[in-house]
């Protein structure tokens, strides 16, 4: 799918509603093929984003794991290091 979509499960602190909304927005943009809907499609676009965000929140809340939560800063540092090596 899209390289920019980041995993949101099993982090300490947990994913915020804003992060989930942003992921849903990115998903809807990808599906619709547009970053900004026309005035005519704004309501459908917003409904899709809110529906997907609600489903994503439900999914994240229901998932279980035996692994300890990952540290956000540590994961971000690893991603920056991989990016630096890739684009250096």
Protein backbone atom coordinates (compact mmCIF):
# COMPACT_ATOMS: atom_id res chain seq x y z
CA UNK A 1 0.00 0.00 0.00
CA UNK A 2 1.51 3.27 1.07
CA UNK A 3 4.95 3.52 2.61
CA UNK A 4 3.92 6.41 4.83
CA UNK A 5 1.35 4.45 6.83
CA UNK A 6 2.90 3.61 10.17
CA UNK A 7 1.92 0.82 12.57
CA UNK A 8 -0.07 2.17 15.51
CA UNK A 9 -0.40 -0.98 17.62
CA UNK A 10 1.59 -1.85 20.74
CA UNK A 11 3.22 1.48 21.50
CA UNK A 12 3.76 3.18 24.80
CA UNK A 13 1.98 5.59 24.98
CA UNK A 14 -0.86 4.16 22.86
CA UNK A 15 -1.93 5.72 19.57
CA UNK A 16 -3.92 8.91 19.99
CA UNK A 17 -7.25 9.63 18.31
CA UNK A 18 -5.44 12.24 16.20
CA UNK A 19 -2.93 9.65 14.92
CA UNK A 20 -5.75 7.26 14.08
CA UNK A 21 -7.68 10.02 12.31
CA UNK A 22 -4.58 10.96 10.30
CA UNK A 23 -4.08 7.33 9.25
CA UNK A 24 -7.75 7.09 8.24
CA UNK A 25 -7.47 10.32 6.27
CA UNK A 26 -4.40 9.03 4.45
CA UNK A 27 -6.20 5.77 3.66
CA UNK A 28 -9.26 7.57 2.26
CA UNK A 29 -7.04 9.87 0.21
CA UNK A 30 -5.27 6.85 -1.24
CA UNK A 31 -8.53 5.07 -2.09
CA UNK A 32 -10.21 8.12 -3.57
CA UNK A 33 -7.15 9.27 -5.48
CA UNK A 34 -7.49 12.83 -4.22
CA UNK A 35 -6.04 14.79 -1.34
CA UNK A 36 -8.92 17.23 -1.21
CA UNK A 37 -12.43 16.28 -2.27
CA UNK A 38 -14.67 18.54 -4.30
CA UNK A 39 -17.40 20.45 -2.47
CA UNK A 40 -19.86 17.89 -3.79
CA UNK A 41 -17.94 14.98 -2.22
CA UNK A 42 -16.83 16.58 1.06
CA UNK A 43 -19.58 14.95 3.14
CA UNK A 44 -18.88 11.47 1.76
CA UNK A 45 -15.14 11.98 2.25
CA UNK A 46 -15.57 13.14 5.88
CA UNK A 47 -17.97 10.28 6.63
CA UNK A 48 -15.50 7.76 5.24
CA UNK A 49 -12.66 9.19 7.33
CA UNK A 50 -14.70 9.13 10.55
CA UNK A 51 -15.99 5.60 9.87
CA UNK A 52 -12.54 4.23 9.16
CA UNK A 53 -11.08 6.00 12.20
CA UNK A 54 -13.77 4.43 14.40
CA UNK A 55 -13.07 0.98 12.95
CA UNK A 56 -9.33 1.47 13.40
CA UNK A 57 -9.80 2.51 17.05
CA UNK A 58 -11.97 -0.57 17.63
CA UNK A 59 -9.33 -2.78 16.03
CA UNK A 60 -6.44 -1.31 18.03
CA UNK A 61 -8.41 -1.60 21.27
CA UNK A 62 -9.25 -5.25 20.64
CA UNK A 63 -5.81 -6.48 19.53
CA UNK A 64 -3.75 -8.44 22.05
CA UNK A 65 -0.06 -9.27 22.19
CA UNK A 66 2.37 -10.94 24.53
CA UNK A 67 5.14 -8.55 23.48
CA UNK A 68 6.02 -5.55 25.64
CA UNK A 69 4.98 -2.16 24.25
CA UNK A 70 7.49 -0.53 21.93
CA UNK A 71 8.99 2.86 22.75
CA UNK A 72 8.00 5.50 20.21
CA UNK A 73 11.27 7.39 20.42
CA UNK A 74 13.33 4.25 19.93
CA UNK A 75 11.30 3.20 16.87
CA UNK A 76 11.55 6.73 15.42
CA UNK A 77 15.32 6.78 15.96
CA UNK A 78 15.69 3.46 14.14
CA UNK A 79 13.59 4.76 11.24
CA UNK A 80 15.71 7.91 11.00
CA UNK A 81 18.89 5.79 10.97
CA UNK A 82 17.49 3.56 8.17
CA UNK A 83 16.46 6.63 6.21
CA UNK A 84 19.89 8.23 6.64
CA UNK A 85 21.59 5.07 5.35
CA UNK A 86 19.16 4.76 2.46
CA UNK A 87 19.43 8.35 1.25
CA UNK A 88 23.01 9.14 2.21
